[in-house]
């Protein structure tokens, strides 16, 4: 099992993940920001969204950024993080 598979398993087992309803549009926006601008800008964006209707989604994604930080594959290639963020809805179905 590679590191990304471990991360996906960790996400699936996360109670906060299971309890959060995600919208495709919000995930797409966050994924695009993460790929283009990285961790810091994505964190600022999500913290700003916590006060709105996307609060639960934003809180989970902030915790996901912390998980991403542990994986050099994602730190070096933001496109991997983008794919994971965009696939969160389908990960819940498994």
C-alpha atoms as a PDB file:
ATOM      1  CA  UNK A   1       0.000   0.000   0.000  1.00  0.00           C
ATOM      2  CA  UNK A   2       1.476   3.341  -0.990  1.00  0.00           C
ATOM      3  CA  UNK A   3       1.206   6.577   0.987  1.00  0.00           C
ATOM      4  CA  UNK A   4      -1.726   7.943  -1.004  1.00  0.00           C
ATOM      5  CA  UNK A   5      -3.718   4.756  -0.390  1.00  0.00           C
ATOM      6  CA  UNK A   6      -2.963   5.113   3.330  1.00  0.00           C
ATOM      7  CA  UNK A   7      -4.183   8.699   3.226  1.00  0.00           C
ATOM      8  CA  UNK A   8      -7.404   7.696   1.451  1.00  0.00           C
ATOM      9  CA  UNK A   9      -8.051   5.042   4.100  1.00  0.00           C
ATOM     10  CA  UNK A  10      -7.383   7.620   6.818  1.00  0.00           C
ATOM     11  CA  UNK A  11      -9.889   9.987   5.192  1.00  0.00           C
ATOM     12  CA  UNK A  12     -12.561   7.281   4.895  1.00  0.00           C
ATOM     13  CA  UNK A  13     -12.173   6.401   8.579  1.00  0.00           C
ATOM     14  CA  UNK A  14     -12.403  10.028   9.720  1.00  0.00           C
ATOM     15  CA  UNK A  15     -15.674  10.662  11.561  1.00  0.00           C
ATOM     16  CA  UNK A  16     -15.690  14.332  10.586  1.00  0.00           C
ATOM     17  CA  UNK A  17     -15.446  13.266   6.934  1.00  0.00           C
ATOM     18  CA  UNK A  18     -18.370  10.865   7.258  1.00  0.00           C
ATOM     19  CA  UNK A  19     -20.497  13.526   8.997  1.00  0.00           C
ATOM     20  CA  UNK A  20     -19.866  16.281   6.444  1.00  0.00           C
ATOM     21  CA  UNK A  21     -22.046  16.944   3.410  1.00  0.00           C
ATOM     22  CA  UNK A  22     -19.944  18.143   0.474  1.00  0.00           C
ATOM     23  CA  UNK A  23     -20.983  20.134  -2.569  1.00  0.00           C
ATOM     24  CA  UNK A  24     -19.216  19.672  -5.872  1.00  0.00           C
ATOM     25  CA  UNK A  25     -18.883  23.376  -6.567  1.00  0.00           C
ATOM     26  CA  UNK A  26     -17.215  24.111  -3.252  1.00  0.00           C
ATOM     27  CA  UNK A  27     -14.803  21.186  -3.626  1.00  0.00           C
ATOM     28  CA  UNK A  28     -13.934  22.255  -7.169  1.00  0.00           C
ATOM     29  CA  UNK A  29     -13.124  25.795  -6.004  1.00  0.00           C
ATOM     30  CA  UNK A  30     -10.953  24.566  -3.146  1.00  0.00           C
ATOM     31  CA  UNK A  31      -9.202  22.020  -5.379  1.00  0.00           C
ATOM     32  CA  UNK A  32      -8.380  24.695  -7.953  1.00  0.00           C
ATOM     33  CA  UNK A  33      -7.054  27.082  -5.319  1.00  0.00           C
ATOM     34  CA  UNK A  34      -4.925  24.350  -3.763  1.00  0.00           C
ATOM     35  CA  UNK A  35      -3.381  23.299  -7.056  1.00  0.00           C
ATOM     36  CA  UNK A  36      -2.644  26.850  -8.215  1.00  0.00           C
ATOM     37  CA  UNK A  37      -1.627  28.543  -4.970  1.00  0.00           C
ATOM     38  CA  UNK A  38      -0.782  25.873  -2.408  1.00  0.00           C
ATOM     39  CA  UNK A  39      -1.332  25.413   1.287  1.00  0.00           C
ATOM     40  CA  UNK A  40      -1.279  28.965   2.641  1.00  0.00           C
ATOM     41  CA  UNK A  41      -3.762  30.503   0.230  1.00  0.00           C
ATOM     42  CA  UNK A  42      -6.094  27.522   0.547  1.00  0.00           C
ATOM     43  CA  UNK A  43      -6.000  27.831   4.332  1.00  0.00           C
ATOM     44  CA  UNK A  44      -6.875  31.527   4.176  1.00  0.00           C
ATOM     45  CA  UNK A  45      -9.750  30.828   1.784  1.00  0.00           C
ATOM     46  CA  UNK A  46     -11.150  28.039   3.969  1.00  0.00           C
ATOM     47  CA  UNK A  47     -10.908  30.089   7.157  1.00  0.00           C
ATOM     48  CA  UNK A  48     -12.921  32.798   5.422  1.00  0.00           C
ATOM     49  CA  UNK A  49     -15.572  30.262   4.410  1.00  0.00           C
ATOM     50  CA  UNK A  50     -16.030  28.849   7.915  1.00  0.00           C
ATOM     51  CA  UNK A  51     -18.383  31.676   8.780  1.00  0.00           C
ATOM     52  CA  UNK A  52     -20.700  30.864   5.892  1.00  0.00           C
ATOM     53  CA  UNK A  53     -22.851  27.923   4.890  1.00  0.00           C
ATOM     54  CA  UNK A  54     -19.731  25.985   3.946  1.00  0.00           C
ATOM     55  CA  UNK A  55     -18.484  25.910   7.537  1.00  0.00           C
ATOM     56  CA  UNK A  56     -18.528  22.139   8.018  1.00  0.00           C
ATOM     57  CA  UNK A  57     -16.907  21.538   4.655  1.00  0.00           C
ATOM     58  CA  UNK A  58     -14.280  24.190   5.335  1.00  0.00           C
ATOM     59  CA  UNK A  59     -13.446  22.763   8.764  1.00  0.00           C
ATOM     60  CA  UNK A  60     -12.938  19.276   7.356  1.00  0.00           C
ATOM     61  CA  UNK A  61     -10.821  20.581   4.493  1.00  0.00           C
ATOM     62  CA  UNK A  62      -8.641  22.513   6.935  1.00  0.00           C
ATOM     63  CA  UNK A  63      -8.005  19.257   8.789  1.00  0.00           C
ATOM     64  CA  UNK A  64      -7.336  17.580   5.438  1.00  0.00           C
ATOM     65  CA  UNK A  65      -4.659  20.185   4.674  1.00  0.00           C
ATOM     66  CA  UNK A  66      -2.932  19.144   7.911  1.00  0.00           C
ATOM     67  CA  UNK A  67      -3.007  15.535   6.698  1.00  0.00           C
ATOM     68  CA  UNK A  68      -1.702  16.571   3.278  1.00  0.00           C
ATOM     69  CA  UNK A  69       1.249  18.263   4.967  1.00  0.00           C
ATOM     70  CA  UNK A  70       2.478  14.852   6.169  1.00  0.00           C
ATOM     71  CA  UNK A  71       2.828  13.506   2.621  1.00  0.00           C
ATOM     72  CA  UNK A  72       5.771  14.697   0.509  1.00  0.00           C
ATOM     73  CA  UNK A  73       3.993  13.455  -2.620  1.00  0.00           C
ATOM     74  CA  UNK A  74       1.284  16.070  -2.100  1.00  0.00           C
ATOM     75  CA  UNK A  75       3.630  18.797  -0.883  1.00  0.00           C
ATOM     76  CA  UNK A  76       5.653  18.400  -4.080  1.00  0.00           C
ATOM     77  CA  UNK A  77       2.740  17.851  -6.478  1.00  0.00           C
ATOM     78  CA  UNK A  78      -0.353  19.844  -5.587  1.00  0.00           C
ATOM     79  CA  UNK A  79      -2.203  18.157  -8.440  1.00  0.00           C
ATOM     80  CA  UNK A  80      -2.439  15.005  -6.285  1.00  0.00           C
ATOM     81  CA  UNK A  81      -4.131  16.994  -3.520  1.00  0.00           C
ATOM     82  CA  UNK A  82      -6.436  18.537  -6.093  1.00  0.00           C
ATOM     83  CA  UNK A  83      -7.546  15.090  -7.281  1.00  0.00           C
ATOM     84  CA  UNK A  84      -8.194  13.941  -3.716  1.00  0.00           C
ATOM     85  CA  UNK A  85     -10.238  17.032  -2.851  1.00  0.00           C
ATOM     86  CA  UNK A  86     -12.307  16.684  -6.024  1.00  0.00           C
ATOM     87  CA  UNK A  87     -12.965  12.999  -5.276  1.00  0.00           C
ATOM     88  CA  UNK A  88     -14.243  13.411  -1.699  1.00  0.00           C
ATOM     89  CA  UNK A  89     -17.887  12.923  -2.668  1.00  0.00           C
ATOM     90  CA  UNK A  90     -17.139   9.648  -4.413  1.00  0.00           C
ATOM     91  CA  UNK A  91     -14.923   8.506  -1.508  1.00  0.00           C
ATOM     92  CA  UNK A  92     -17.953   8.739   0.789  1.00  0.00           C
ATOM     93  CA  UNK A  93     -19.860   6.272  -1.383  1.00  0.00           C
ATOM     94  CA  UNK A  94     -17.380   3.459  -0.782  1.00  0.00           C
END
